[in-house]
Amino acid sequence: QLQLEESGGGLVQPGGSLRLSCAASGFSLENSAIGWFRQAPGKEREGVICISRRGGVVTNLDSVKGRFTISRDNAKNTVFLQMDSLKPEDTAVYYCGARRGALSGLCNLRGEYDYWGQGTQVTVSS
């Protein structure tokens, strides 16, 4: 069974950090494009940052540039989202999406991804 599972969310104070994980089972992330998305209450799901199968990174949101980084650990078949200097407006459910092989379009498009995790809640509040 091919699936993704996010973890690492939680409650953090403004200025704090979290590292989210996206672990795959049933397929390898090494040759997959991975995108992190988030959805805040009442808002559409938006693309945050993505990494291509060859390691190219695109940060889709200006608001997270310099604060969020994406990386992969092929040995663990996991992709990480490091989030630093968190702000209340980063509060959302965070999802990872995966597409085996190359993307056919922009990495911030939900339709580019074949597999999704169930999401992990991130709450930034004092």
PDB file of N, CA and C in Angstrom:
ATOM      1  N   GLN A   1       0.845  -1.176   0.000  1.00  0.00           N
ATOM      2  CA  GLN A   1       0.000   0.000   0.000  1.00  0.00           C
ATOM      3  C   GLN A   1       0.891   1.240   0.000  1.00  0.00           C
ATOM      4  N   LEU A   2       0.596   2.152  -0.919  1.00  0.00           N
ATOM      5  CA  LEU A   2       1.397   3.363  -1.047  1.00  0.00           C
ATOM      6  C   LEU A   2       0.771   4.449  -0.193  1.00  0.00           C
ATOM      7  N   GLN A   3       1.553   4.999   0.732  1.00  0.00           N
ATOM      8  CA  GLN A   3       0.993   6.058   1.550  1.00  0.00           C
ATOM      9  C   GLN A   3       2.077   6.963   2.097  1.00  0.00           C
ATOM     10  N   LEU A   4       1.626   8.157   2.528  1.00  0.00           N
ATOM     11  CA  LEU A   4       2.473   9.138   3.169  1.00  0.00           C
ATOM     12  C   LEU A   4       1.921   9.416   4.558  1.00  0.00           C
ATOM     13  N   GLU A   5       2.813   9.751   5.456  1.00  0.00           N
ATOM     14  CA  GLU A   5       2.381  10.093   6.800  1.00  0.00           C
ATOM     15  C   GLU A   5       3.199  11.264   7.320  1.00  0.00           C
ATOM     16  N   GLU A   6       2.506  12.339   7.666  1.00  0.00           N
ATOM     17  CA  GLU A   6       3.152  13.494   8.254  1.00  0.00           C
ATOM     18  C   GLU A   6       3.188  13.359   9.770  1.00  0.00           C
ATOM     19  N   SER A   7       4.181  13.964  10.368  1.00  0.00           N
ATOM     20  CA  SER A   7       4.273  14.013  11.818  1.00  0.00           C
ATOM     21  C   SER A   7       5.111  15.223  12.212  1.00  0.00           C
ATOM     22  N   GLY A   8       5.084  15.537  13.489  1.00  0.00           N
ATOM     23  CA  GLY A   8       5.918  16.616  13.998  1.00  0.00           C
ATOM     24  C   GLY A   8       5.188  17.911  14.303  1.00  0.00           C
ATOM     25  N   GLY A   9       3.910  17.949  14.008  1.00  0.00           N
ATOM     26  CA  GLY A   9       3.150  19.159  14.306  1.00  0.00           C
ATOM     27  C   GLY A   9       2.922  19.320  15.797  1.00  0.00           C
ATOM     28  N   GLY A  10       2.377  20.475  16.171  1.00  0.00           N
ATOM     29  CA  GLY A  10       2.091  20.731  17.566  1.00  0.00           C
ATOM     30  C   GLY A  10       1.871  22.191  17.833  1.00  0.00           C
ATOM     31  N   LEU A  11       1.868  22.532  19.099  1.00  0.00           N
ATOM     32  CA  LEU A  11       1.695  23.914  19.549  1.00  0.00           C
ATOM     33  C   LEU A  11       3.063  24.503  19.866  1.00  0.00           C
ATOM     34  N   VAL A  12       3.336  25.666  19.311  1.00  0.00           N
ATOM     35  CA  VAL A  12       4.624  26.327  19.526  1.00  0.00           C
ATOM     36  C   VAL A  12       4.383  27.815  19.687  1.00  0.00           C
ATOM     37  N   GLN A  13       5.229  28.451  20.467  1.00  0.00           N
ATOM     38  CA  GLN A  13       5.108  29.894  20.660  1.00  0.00           C
ATOM     39  C   GLN A  13       5.678  30.644  19.463  1.00  0.00           C
ATOM     40  N   PRO A  14       5.217  31.849  19.229  1.00  0.00           N
ATOM     41  CA  PRO A  14       5.805  32.657  18.150  1.00  0.00           C
ATOM     42  C   PRO A  14       7.314  32.772  18.315  1.00  0.00           C
ATOM     43  N   GLY A  15       8.013  32.634  17.209  1.00  0.00           N
ATOM     44  CA  GLY A  15       9.466  32.644  17.228  1.00  0.00           C
ATOM     45  C   GLY A  15      10.091  31.281  17.391  1.00  0.00           C
ATOM     46  N   GLY A  16       9.285  30.290  17.702  1.00  0.00           N
ATOM     47  CA  GLY A  16       9.785  28.944  17.897  1.00  0.00           C
ATOM     48  C   GLY A  16       9.982  28.186  16.593  1.00  0.00           C
ATOM     49  N   SER A  17      10.369  26.929  16.726  1.00  0.00           N
ATOM     50  CA  SER A  17      10.665  26.081  15.566  1.00  0.00           C
ATOM     51  C   SER A  17       9.962  24.742  15.687  1.00  0.00           C
ATOM     52  N   LEU A  18       9.693  24.169  14.535  1.00  0.00           N
ATOM     53  CA  LEU A  18       9.190  22.805  14.442  1.00  0.00           C
ATOM     54  C   LEU A  18       9.813  22.161  13.225  1.00  0.00           C
ATOM     55  N   ARG A  19       9.955  20.853  13.296  1.00  0.00           N
ATOM     56  CA  ARG A  19      10.389  20.110  12.115  1.00  0.00           C
ATOM     57  C   ARG A  19       9.329  19.050  11.810  1.00  0.00           C
ATOM     58  N   LEU A  20       8.735  19.190  10.653  1.00  0.00           N
ATOM     59  CA  LEU A  20       7.742  18.226  10.205  1.00  0.00           C
ATOM     60  C   LEU A  20       8.416  17.139   9.376  1.00  0.00           C
ATOM     61  N   SER A  21       7.875  15.945   9.481  1.00  0.00           N
ATOM     62  CA  SER A  21       8.372  14.814   8.700  1.00  0.00           C
ATOM     63  C   SER A  21       7.284  14.294   7.791  1.00  0.00           C
ATOM     64  N   CYS A  22       7.697  13.827   6.646  1.00  0.00           N
ATOM     65  CA  CYS A  22       6.796  13.191   5.677  1.00  0.00           C
ATOM     66  C   CYS A  22       7.438  11.867   5.311  1.00  0.00           C
ATOM     67  N   ALA A  23       6.909  10.790   5.847  1.00  0.00           N
ATOM     68  CA  ALA A  23       7.478   9.469   5.631  1.00  0.00           C
ATOM     69  C   ALA A  23       6.618   8.684   4.646  1.00  0.00           C
ATOM     70  N   ALA A  24       7.287   8.005   3.743  1.00  0.00           N
ATOM     71  CA  ALA A  24       6.582   7.227   2.727  1.00  0.00           C
ATOM     72  C   ALA A  24       6.713   5.748   3.003  1.00  0.00           C
ATOM     73  N   SER A  25       5.691   5.022   2.644  1.00  0.00           N
ATOM     74  CA  SER A  25       5.756   3.566   2.684  1.00  0.00           C
ATOM     75  C   SER A  25       5.178   3.028   1.393  1.00  0.00           C
ATOM     76  N   GLY A  26       5.792   1.968   0.917  1.00  0.00           N
ATOM     77  CA  GLY A  26       5.310   1.358  -0.308  1.00  0.00           C
ATOM     78  C   GLY A  26       5.951   1.908  -1.565  1.00  0.00           C
ATOM     79  N   PHE A  27       6.682   2.991  -1.468  1.00  0.00           N
ATOM     80  CA  PHE A  27       7.410   3.540  -2.602  1.00  0.00           C
ATOM     81  C   PHE A  27       8.559   4.401  -2.083  1.00  0.00           C
ATOM     82  N   SER A  28       9.500   4.676  -2.998  1.00  0.00           N
ATOM     83  CA  SER A  28      10.672   5.448  -2.610  1.00  0.00           C
ATOM     84  C   SER A  28      10.459   6.920  -2.904  1.00  0.00           C
ATOM     85  N   LEU A  29      10.839   7.760  -1.926  1.00  0.00           N
ATOM     86  CA  LEU A  29      10.784   9.197  -2.150  1.00  0.00           C
ATOM     87  C   LEU A  29      11.997   9.717  -2.906  1.00  0.00           C
ATOM     88  N   GLU A  30      12.998   8.868  -3.053  1.00  0.00           N
ATOM     89  CA  GLU A  30      14.238   9.313  -3.668  1.00  0.00           C
ATOM     90  C   GLU A  30      14.017   9.821  -5.085  1.00  0.00           C
ATOM     91  N   ASN A  31      13.134   9.171  -5.818  1.00  0.00           N
ATOM     92  CA  ASN A  31      12.856   9.575  -7.191  1.00  0.00           C
ATOM     93  C   ASN A  31      11.493  10.233  -7.326  1.00  0.00           C
ATOM     94  N   SER A  32      11.101  10.902  -6.257  1.00  0.00           N
ATOM     95  CA  SER A  32       9.797  11.558  -6.235  1.00  0.00           C
ATOM     96  C   SER A  32       9.948  13.048  -5.991  1.00  0.00           C
ATOM     97  N   ALA A  33       9.027  13.805  -6.515  1.00  0.00           N
ATOM     98  CA  ALA A  33       8.912  15.213  -6.165  1.00  0.00           C
ATOM     99  C   ALA A  33       7.993  15.321  -4.950  1.00  0.00           C
ATOM    100  N   ILE A  34       8.363  16.154  -4.024  1.00  0.00           N
ATOM    101  CA  ILE A  34       7.599  16.302  -2.779  1.00  0.00           C
ATOM    102  C   ILE A  34       7.213  17.763  -2.598  1.00  0.00           C
ATOM    103  N   GLY A  35       5.972  17.973  -2.246  1.00  0.00           N
ATOM    104  CA  GLY A  35       5.516  19.324  -1.960  1.00  0.00           C
ATOM    105  C   GLY A  35       4.889  19.386  -0.583  1.00  0.00           C
ATOM    106  N   TRP A  36       5.192  20.451   0.124  1.00  0.00           N
ATOM    107  CA  TRP A  36       4.509  20.734   1.388  1.00  0.00           C
ATOM    108  C   TRP A  36       3.453  21.805   1.120  1.00  0.00           C
ATOM    109  N   PHE A  37       2.265  21.540   1.593  1.00  0.00           N
ATOM    110  CA  PHE A  37       1.136  22.452   1.466  1.00  0.00           C
ATOM    111  C   PHE A  37       0.587  22.725   2.856  1.00  0.00           C
ATOM    112  N   ARG A  38      -0.204  23.781   2.951  1.00  0.00           N
ATOM    113  CA  ARG A  38      -0.868  24.032   4.230  1.00  0.00           C
ATOM    114  C   ARG A  38      -2.259  24.598   3.981  1.00  0.00           C
ATOM    115  N   GLN A  39      -3.108  24.366   4.941  1.00  0.00           N
ATOM    116  CA  GLN A  39      -4.481  24.864   4.838  1.00  0.00           C
ATOM    117  C   GLN A  39      -4.908  25.421   6.179  1.00  0.00           C
ATOM    118  N   ALA A  40      -5.140  26.711   6.194  1.00  0.00           N
ATOM    119  CA  ALA A  40      -5.632  27.380   7.393  1.00  0.00           C
ATOM    120  C   ALA A  40      -7.160  27.354   7.380  1.00  0.00           C
ATOM    121  N   PRO A  41      -7.778  27.477   8.552  1.00  0.00           N
ATOM    122  CA  PRO A  41      -9.250  27.449   8.609  1.00  0.00           C
ATOM    123  C   PRO A  41      -9.874  28.485   7.688  1.00  0.00           C
ATOM    124  N   GLY A  42     -10.801  28.032   6.867  1.00  0.00           N
ATOM    125  CA  GLY A  42     -11.504  28.939   5.981  1.00  0.00           C
ATOM    126  C   GLY A  42     -10.743  29.355   4.747  1.00  0.00           C
ATOM    127  N   LYS A  43      -9.567  28.774   4.539  1.00  0.00           N
ATOM    128  CA  LYS A  43      -8.742  29.145   3.391  1.00  0.00           C
ATOM    129  C   LYS A  43      -8.457  27.940   2.513  1.00  0.00           C
ATOM    130  N   GLU A  44      -8.046  28.236   1.291  1.00  0.00           N
ATOM    131  CA  GLU A  44      -7.673  27.175   0.370  1.00  0.00           C
ATOM    132  C   GLU A  44      -6.310  26.599   0.762  1.00  0.00           C
ATOM    133  N   ARG A  45      -6.105  25.346   0.375  1.00  0.00           N
ATOM    134  CA  ARG A  45      -4.795  24.735   0.576  1.00  0.00           C
ATOM    135  C   ARG A  45      -3.803  25.405  -0.367  1.00  0.00           C
ATOM    136  N   GLU A  46      -2.666  25.787   0.171  1.00  0.00           N
ATOM    137  CA  GLU A  46      -1.676  26.498  -0.629  1.00  0.00           C
ATOM    138  C   GLU A  46      -0.329  25.795  -0.573  1.00  0.00           C
ATOM    139  N   GLY A  47       0.375  25.873  -1.685  1.00  0.00           N
ATOM    140  CA  GLY A  47       1.702  25.291  -1.743  1.00  0.00           C
ATOM    141  C   GLY A  47       2.706  26.138  -0.993  1.00  0.00           C
ATOM    142  N   VAL A  48       3.511  25.509  -0.163  1.00  0.00           N
ATOM    143  CA  VAL A  48       4.487  26.218   0.664  1.00  0.00           C
ATOM    144  C   VAL A  48       5.883  26.110   0.058  1.00  0.00           C
ATOM    145  N   ILE A  49       6.332  24.898  -0.132  1.00  0.00           N
ATOM    146  CA  ILE A  49       7.696  24.666  -0.598  1.00  0.00           C
ATOM    147  C   ILE A  49       7.747  23.264  -1.185  1.00  0.00           C
ATOM    148  N   CYS A  50       8.646  23.069  -2.151  1.00  0.00           N
ATOM    149  CA  CYS A  50       8.715  21.751  -2.759  1.00  0.00           C
ATOM    150  C   CYS A  50      10.148  21.419  -3.137  1.00  0.00           C
ATOM    151  N   ILE A  51      10.388  20.141  -3.325  1.00  0.00           N
ATOM    152  CA  ILE A  51      11.706  19.666  -3.736  1.00  0.00           C
ATOM    153  C   ILE A  51      11.508  18.660  -4.864  1.00  0.00           C
ATOM    154  N   SER A  52      12.273  18.847  -5.927  1.00  0.00           N
ATOM    155  CA  SER A  52      12.151  17.951  -7.065  1.00  0.00           C
ATOM    156  C   SER A  52      12.913  16.655  -6.791  1.00  0.00           C
ATOM    157  N   ARG A  53      12.721  15.694  -7.651  1.00  0.00           N
ATOM    158  CA  ARG A  53      13.413  14.415  -7.473  1.00  0.00           C
ATOM    159  C   ARG A  53      14.916  14.584  -7.589  1.00  0.00           C
ATOM    160  N   ARG A  54      15.353  15.650  -8.239  1.00  0.00           N
ATOM    161  CA  ARG A  54      16.784  15.902  -8.384  1.00  0.00           C
ATOM    162  C   ARG A  54      17.308  16.871  -7.348  1.00  0.00           C
ATOM    163  N   GLY A  55      16.456  17.292  -6.408  1.00  0.00           N
ATOM    164  CA  GLY A  55      16.918  18.125  -5.303  1.00  0.00           C
ATOM    165  C   GLY A  55      16.694  19.612  -5.454  1.00  0.00           C
ATOM    166  N   GLY A  56      16.125  20.025  -6.555  1.00  0.00           N
ATOM    167  CA  GLY A  56      15.841  21.440  -6.722  1.00  0.00           C
ATOM    168  C   GLY A  56      14.719  21.885  -5.796  1.00  0.00           C
ATOM    169  N   VAL A  57      14.886  23.022  -5.167  1.00  0.00           N
ATOM    170  CA  VAL A  57      13.914  23.515  -4.185  1.00  0.00           C
ATOM    171  C   VAL A  57      13.251  24.787  -4.700  1.00  0.00           C
ATOM    172  N   VAL A  58      11.950  24.846  -4.540  1.00  0.00           N
ATOM    173  CA  VAL A  58      11.194  26.052  -4.867  1.00  0.00           C
ATOM    174  C   VAL A  58      10.368  26.443  -3.647  1.00  0.00           C
ATOM    175  N   THR A  59      10.566  27.653  -3.167  1.00  0.00           N
ATOM    176  CA  THR A  59       9.746  28.174  -2.072  1.00  0.00           C
ATOM    177  C   THR A  59       8.625  28.986  -2.697  1.00  0.00           C
ATOM    178  N   ASN A  60       7.414  28.525  -2.496  1.00  0.00           N
ATOM    179  CA  ASN A  60       6.280  29.125  -3.192  1.00  0.00           C
ATOM    180  C   ASN A  60       5.698  30.347  -2.486  1.00  0.00           C
ATOM    181  N   LEU A  61       5.897  30.425  -1.185  1.00  0.00           N
ATOM    182  CA  LEU A  61       5.325  31.529  -0.419  1.00  0.00           C
ATOM    183  C   LEU A  61       6.419  32.499   0.007  1.00  0.00           C
ATOM    184  N   ASP A  62       6.254  33.759  -0.352  1.00  0.00           N
ATOM    185  CA  ASP A  62       7.231  34.766   0.058  1.00  0.00           C
ATOM    186  C   ASP A  62       7.291  34.879   1.573  1.00  0.00           C
ATOM    187  N   SER A  63       6.169  34.618   2.232  1.00  0.00           N
ATOM    188  CA  SER A  63       6.101  34.805   3.683  1.00  0.00           C
ATOM    189  C   SER A  63       6.951  33.813   4.462  1.00  0.00           C
ATOM    190  N   VAL A  64       7.365  32.716   3.820  1.00  0.00           N
ATOM    191  CA  VAL A  64       8.168  31.716   4.533  1.00  0.00           C
ATOM    192  C   VAL A  64       9.617  31.698   4.073  1.00  0.00           C
ATOM    193  N   LYS A  65       9.934  32.473   3.077  1.00  0.00           N
ATOM    194  CA  LYS A  65      11.318  32.504   2.582  1.00  0.00           C
ATOM    195  C   LYS A  65      12.265  32.953   3.681  1.00  0.00           C
ATOM    196  N   GLY A  66      13.346  32.209   3.821  1.00  0.00           N
ATOM    197  CA  GLY A  66      14.309  32.495   4.877  1.00  0.00           C
ATOM    198  C   GLY A  66      13.960  31.873   6.212  1.00  0.00           C
ATOM    199  N   ARG A  67      12.756  31.310   6.311  1.00  0.00           N
ATOM    200  CA  ARG A  67      12.345  30.688   7.585  1.00  0.00           C
ATOM    201  C   ARG A  67      12.101  29.190   7.443  1.00  0.00           C
ATOM    202  N   PHE A  68      11.612  28.751   6.297  1.00  0.00           N
ATOM    203  CA  PHE A  68      11.291  27.337   6.077  1.00  0.00           C
ATOM    204  C   PHE A  68      12.300  26.732   5.109  1.00  0.00           C
ATOM    205  N   THR A  69      12.724  25.520   5.400  1.00  0.00           N
ATOM    206  CA  THR A  69      13.592  24.789   4.485  1.00  0.00           C
ATOM    207  C   THR A  69      13.093  23.362   4.348  1.00  0.00           C
ATOM    208  N   ILE A  70      13.334  22.794   3.192  1.00  0.00           N
ATOM    209  CA  ILE A  70      12.929  21.426   2.913  1.00  0.00           C
ATOM    210  C   ILE A  70      14.177  20.600   2.640  1.00  0.00           C
ATOM    211  N   SER A  71      14.137  19.358   3.088  1.00  0.00           N
ATOM    212  CA  SER A  71      15.264  18.460   2.843  1.00  0.00           C
ATOM    213  C   SER A  71      14.752  17.035   2.801  1.00  0.00           C
ATOM    214  N   ARG A  72      15.580  16.153   2.287  1.00  0.00           N
ATOM    215  CA  ARG A  72      15.176  14.758   2.237  1.00  0.00           C
ATOM    216  C   ARG A  72      16.285  13.870   2.793  1.00  0.00           C
ATOM    217  N   ASP A  73      15.879  12.789   3.400  1.00  0.00           N
ATOM    218  CA  ASP A  73      16.797  11.753   3.876  1.00  0.00           C
ATOM    219  C   ASP A  73      16.375  10.473   3.175  1.00  0.00           C
ATOM    220  N   ASN A  74      17.087  10.139   2.132  1.00  0.00           N
ATOM    221  CA  ASN A  74      16.693   8.969   1.333  1.00  0.00           C
ATOM    222  C   ASN A  74      16.815   7.674   2.122  1.00  0.00           C
ATOM    223  N   ALA A  75      17.780   7.600   3.014  1.00  0.00           N
ATOM    224  CA  ALA A  75      17.949   6.381   3.808  1.00  0.00           C
ATOM    225  C   ALA A  75      16.730   6.119   4.691  1.00  0.00           C
ATOM    226  N   LYS A  76      16.091   7.212   5.131  1.00  0.00           N
ATOM    227  CA  LYS A  76      14.905   7.090   5.974  1.00  0.00           C
ATOM    228  C   LYS A  76      13.617   7.189   5.168  1.00  0.00           C
ATOM    229  N   ASN A  77      13.780   7.414   3.869  1.00  0.00           N
ATOM    230  CA  ASN A  77      12.613   7.575   2.989  1.00  0.00           C
ATOM    231  C   ASN A  77      11.663   8.645   3.534  1.00  0.00           C
ATOM    232  N   THR A  78      12.252   9.753   3.924  1.00  0.00           N
ATOM    233  CA  THR A  78      11.518  10.820   4.599  1.00  0.00           C
ATOM    234  C   THR A  78      11.957  12.179   4.068  1.00  0.00           C
ATOM    235  N   VAL A  79      11.006  13.071   3.977  1.00  0.00           N
ATOM    236  CA  VAL A  79      11.275  14.462   3.637  1.00  0.00           C
ATOM    237  C   VAL A  79      10.885  15.310   4.844  1.00  0.00           C
ATOM    238  N   PHE A  80      11.701  16.331   5.101  1.00  0.00           N
ATOM    239  CA  PHE A  80      11.491  17.169   6.278  1.00  0.00           C
ATOM    240  C   PHE A  80      11.141  18.601   5.873  1.00  0.00           C
ATOM    241  N   LEU A  81      10.384  19.235   6.724  1.00  0.00           N
ATOM    242  CA  LEU A  81      10.122  20.667   6.598  1.00  0.00           C
ATOM    243  C   LEU A  81      10.554  21.311   7.907  1.00  0.00           C
ATOM    244  N   GLN A  82      11.660  22.029   7.859  1.00  0.00           N
ATOM    245  CA  GLN A  82      12.152  22.754   9.025  1.00  0.00           C
ATOM    246  C   GLN A  82      11.527  24.145   9.015  1.00  0.00           C
ATOM    247  N   MET A  83      10.848  24.473  10.090  1.00  0.00           N
ATOM    248  CA  MET A  83      10.159  25.755  10.183  1.00  0.00           C
ATOM    249  C   MET A  83      10.715  26.526  11.368  1.00  0.00           C
ATOM    250  N   ASP A  84      11.326  27.648  11.091  1.00  0.00           N
ATOM    251  CA  ASP A  84      11.918  28.492  12.117  1.00  0.00           C
ATOM    252  C   ASP A  84      11.210  29.841  12.167  1.00  0.00           C
ATOM    253  N   SER A  85      11.417  30.537  13.263  1.00  0.00           N
ATOM    254  CA  SER A  85      10.826  31.880  13.447  1.00  0.00           C
ATOM    255  C   SER A  85       9.337  31.852  13.128  1.00  0.00           C
ATOM    256  N   LEU A  86       8.660  30.895  13.692  1.00  0.00           N
ATOM    257  CA  LEU A  86       7.250  30.708  13.375  1.00  0.00           C
ATOM    258  C   LEU A  86       6.411  31.892  13.832  1.00  0.00           C
ATOM    259  N   LYS A  87       5.363  32.154  13.056  1.00  0.00           N
ATOM    260  CA  LYS A  87       4.453  33.254  13.315  1.00  0.00           C
ATOM    261  C   LYS A  87       3.030  32.718  13.457  1.00  0.00           C
ATOM    262  N   PRO A  88       2.169  33.442  14.134  1.00  0.00           N
ATOM    263  CA  PRO A  88       0.778  32.979  14.253  1.00  0.00           C
ATOM    264  C   PRO A  88       0.120  32.702  12.900  1.00  0.00           C
ATOM    265  N   GLU A  89       0.492  33.440  11.882  1.00  0.00           N
ATOM    266  CA  GLU A  89      -0.111  33.226  10.566  1.00  0.00           C
ATOM    267  C   GLU A  89       0.370  31.950   9.891  1.00  0.00           C
ATOM    268  N   ASP A  90       1.327  31.253  10.491  1.00  0.00           N
ATOM    269  CA  ASP A  90       1.743  29.951   9.977  1.00  0.00           C
ATOM    270  C   ASP A  90       0.837  28.830  10.479  1.00  0.00           C
ATOM    271  N   THR A  91      -0.075  29.163  11.368  1.00  0.00           N
ATOM    272  CA  THR A  91      -0.999  28.170  11.896  1.00  0.00           C
ATOM    273  C   THR A  91      -1.839  27.576  10.777  1.00  0.00           C
ATOM    274  N   ALA A  92      -1.813  26.255  10.671  1.00  0.00           N
ATOM    275  CA  ALA A  92      -2.520  25.560   9.598  1.00  0.00           C
ATOM    276  C   ALA A  92      -2.321  24.061   9.775  1.00  0.00           C
ATOM    277  N   VAL A  93      -3.063  23.302   8.998  1.00  0.00           N
ATOM    278  CA  VAL A  93      -2.768  21.883   8.836  1.00  0.00           C
ATOM    279  C   VAL A  93      -1.785  21.773   7.675  1.00  0.00           C
ATOM    280  N   TYR A  94      -0.709  21.083   7.911  1.00  0.00           N
ATOM    281  CA  TYR A  94       0.342  20.929   6.900  1.00  0.00           C
ATOM    282  C   TYR A  94       0.266  19.533   6.295  1.00  0.00           C
ATOM    283  N   TYR A  95       0.313  19.501   4.975  1.00  0.00           N
ATOM    284  CA  TYR A  95       0.217  18.259   4.219  1.00  0.00           C
ATOM    285  C   TYR A  95       1.445  18.101   3.334  1.00  0.00           C
ATOM    286  N   CYS A  96       1.860  16.858   3.131  1.00  0.00           N
ATOM    287  CA  CYS A  96       2.865  16.610   2.104  1.00  0.00           C
ATOM    288  C   CYS A  96       2.215  15.819   0.978  1.00  0.00           C
ATOM    289  N   GLY A  97       2.652  16.130  -0.219  1.00  0.00           N
ATOM    290  CA  GLY A  97       2.211  15.429  -1.413  1.00  0.00           C
ATOM    291  C   GLY A  97       3.423  14.872  -2.127  1.00  0.00           C
ATOM    292  N   ALA A  98       3.250  13.772  -2.819  1.00  0.00           N
ATOM    293  CA  ALA A  98       4.350  13.143  -3.540  1.00  0.00           C
ATOM    294  C   ALA A  98       3.923  12.750  -4.941  1.00  0.00           C
ATOM    295  N   ARG A  99       4.846  12.874  -5.853  1.00  0.00           N
ATOM    296  CA  ARG A  99       4.641  12.414  -7.224  1.00  0.00           C
ATOM    297  C   ARG A  99       5.886  11.642  -7.627  1.00  0.00           C
ATOM    298  N   ARG A 100       5.679  10.415  -8.020  1.00  0.00           N
ATOM    299  CA  ARG A 100       6.825   9.612  -8.458  1.00  0.00           C
ATOM    300  C   ARG A 100       7.276  10.106  -9.826  1.00  0.00           C
ATOM    301  N   GLY A 101       8.571  10.381  -9.923  1.00  0.00           N
ATOM    302  CA  GLY A 101       9.102  10.912 -11.156  1.00  0.00           C
ATOM    303  C   GLY A 101       9.061  12.422 -11.166  1.00  0.00           C
ATOM    304  N   ALA A 102       9.071  12.967 -12.368  1.00  0.00           N
ATOM    305  CA  ALA A 102       9.137  14.418 -12.508  1.00  0.00           C
ATOM    306  C   ALA A 102       7.748  15.051 -12.526  1.00  0.00           C
ATOM    307  N   LEU A 103       7.672  16.284 -12.058  1.00  0.00           N
ATOM    308  CA  LEU A 103       6.444  17.041 -12.166  1.00  0.00           C
ATOM    309  C   LEU A 103       6.226  17.462 -13.614  1.00  0.00           C
ATOM    310  N   SER A 104       4.976  17.635 -13.962  1.00  0.00           N
ATOM    311  CA  SER A 104       4.674  18.092 -15.319  1.00  0.00           C
ATOM    312  C   SER A 104       4.390  19.578 -15.362  1.00  0.00           C
ATOM    313  N   GLY A 105       4.225  20.184 -14.177  1.00  0.00           N
ATOM    314  CA  GLY A 105       3.917  21.601 -14.112  1.00  0.00           C
ATOM    315  C   GLY A 105       4.513  22.222 -12.873  1.00  0.00           C
ATOM    316  N   LEU A 106       3.899  23.280 -12.411  1.00  0.00           N
ATOM    317  CA  LEU A 106       4.395  23.981 -11.242  1.00  0.00           C
ATOM    318  C   LEU A 106       4.208  23.152  -9.979  1.00  0.00           C
ATOM    319  N   CYS A 107       5.177  23.243  -9.094  1.00  0.00           N
ATOM    320  CA  CYS A 107       5.149  22.369  -7.915  1.00  0.00           C
ATOM    321  C   CYS A 107       4.177  22.835  -6.851  1.00  0.00           C
ATOM    322  N   ASN A 108       3.584  24.009  -7.008  1.00  0.00           N
ATOM    323  CA  ASN A 108       2.612  24.468  -6.021  1.00  0.00           C
ATOM    324  C   ASN A 108       1.176  24.141  -6.423  1.00  0.00           C
ATOM    325  N   LEU A 109       1.031  23.294  -7.426  1.00  0.00           N
ATOM    326  CA  LEU A 109      -0.300  22.877  -7.872  1.00  0.00           C
ATOM    327  C   LEU A 109      -0.647  21.533  -7.258  1.00  0.00           C
ATOM    328  N   ARG A 110      -1.787  21.463  -6.592  1.00  0.00           N
ATOM    329  CA  ARG A 110      -2.186  20.230  -5.925  1.00  0.00           C
ATOM    330  C   ARG A 110      -2.314  19.072  -6.894  1.00  0.00           C
ATOM    331  N   GLY A 111      -2.761  19.357  -8.087  1.00  0.00           N
ATOM    332  CA  GLY A 111      -2.981  18.302  -9.063  1.00  0.00           C
ATOM    333  C   GLY A 111      -1.719  17.615  -9.544  1.00  0.00           C
ATOM    334  N   GLU A 112      -0.567  18.178  -9.205  1.00  0.00           N
ATOM    335  CA  GLU A 112       0.700  17.576  -9.621  1.00  0.00           C
ATOM    336  C   GLU A 112       1.040  16.328  -8.819  1.00  0.00           C
ATOM    337  N   TYR A 113       0.382  16.142  -7.672  1.00  0.00           N
ATOM    338  CA  TYR A 113       0.785  15.103  -6.732  1.00  0.00           C
ATOM    339  C   TYR A 113      -0.229  13.955  -6.710  1.00  0.00           C
ATOM    340  N   ASP A 114       0.311  12.757  -6.620  1.00  0.00           N
ATOM    341  CA  ASP A 114      -0.511  11.552  -6.656  1.00  0.00           C
ATOM    342  C   ASP A 114      -0.858  11.026  -5.271  1.00  0.00           C
ATOM    343  N   TYR A 115      -0.023  11.318  -4.309  1.00  0.00           N
ATOM    344  CA  TYR A 115      -0.213  10.764  -2.975  1.00  0.00           C
ATOM    345  C   TYR A 115      -0.181  11.895  -1.946  1.00  0.00           C
ATOM    346  N   TRP A 116      -1.006  11.736  -0.931  1.00  0.00           N
ATOM    347  CA  TRP A 116      -1.118  12.747   0.123  1.00  0.00           C
ATOM    348  C   TRP A 116      -1.158  12.079   1.483  1.00  0.00           C
ATOM    349  N   GLY A 117      -0.588  12.787   2.455  1.00  0.00           N
ATOM    350  CA  GLY A 117      -0.742  12.349   3.828  1.00  0.00           C
ATOM    351  C   GLY A 117      -2.023  12.906   4.427  1.00  0.00           C
ATOM    352  N   GLN A 118      -2.250  12.582   5.676  1.00  0.00           N
ATOM    353  CA  GLN A 118      -3.483  12.989   6.347  1.00  0.00           C
ATOM    354  C   GLN A 118      -3.374  14.381   6.960  1.00  0.00           C
ATOM    355  N   GLY A 119      -2.165  14.913   7.004  1.00  0.00           N
ATOM    356  CA  GLY A 119      -1.948  16.247   7.552  1.00  0.00           C
ATOM    357  C   GLY A 119      -1.542  16.226   9.008  1.00  0.00           C
ATOM    358  N   THR A 120      -0.849  17.285   9.412  1.00  0.00           N
ATOM    359  CA  THR A 120      -0.454  17.449  10.804  1.00  0.00           C
ATOM    360  C   THR A 120      -0.704  18.913  11.192  1.00  0.00           C
ATOM    361  N   GLN A 121      -1.299  19.108  12.347  1.00  0.00           N
ATOM    362  CA  GLN A 121      -1.698  20.446  12.785  1.00  0.00           C
ATOM    363  C   GLN A 121      -0.501  21.192  13.371  1.00  0.00           C
ATOM    364  N   VAL A 122      -0.313  22.407  12.905  1.00  0.00           N
ATOM    365  CA  VAL A 122       0.681  23.313  13.474  1.00  0.00           C
ATOM    366  C   VAL A 122      -0.056  24.533  14.007  1.00  0.00           C
ATOM    367  N   THR A 123       0.133  24.812  15.273  1.00  0.00           N
ATOM    368  CA  THR A 123      -0.499  25.971  15.906  1.00  0.00           C
ATOM    369  C   THR A 123       0.578  26.841  16.530  1.00  0.00           C
ATOM    370  N   VAL A 124       0.607  28.081  16.101  1.00  0.00           N
ATOM    371  CA  VAL A 124       1.589  29.035  16.624  1.00  0.00           C
ATOM    372  C   VAL A 124       0.828  30.058  17.448  1.00  0.00           C
ATOM    373  N   SER A 125       1.045  30.007  18.741  1.00  0.00           N
ATOM    374  CA  SER A 125       0.287  30.875  19.632  1.00  0.00           C
ATOM    375  C   SER A 125       1.016  31.015  20.959  1.00  0.00           C
ATOM    376  N   SER A 126       0.848  32.176  21.566  1.00  0.00           N
ATOM    377  CA  SER A 126       1.420  32.390  22.892  1.00  0.00           C
ATOM    378  C   SER A 126       0.402  32.062  23.977  1.00  0.00           C
TER     379      SER A 126
END
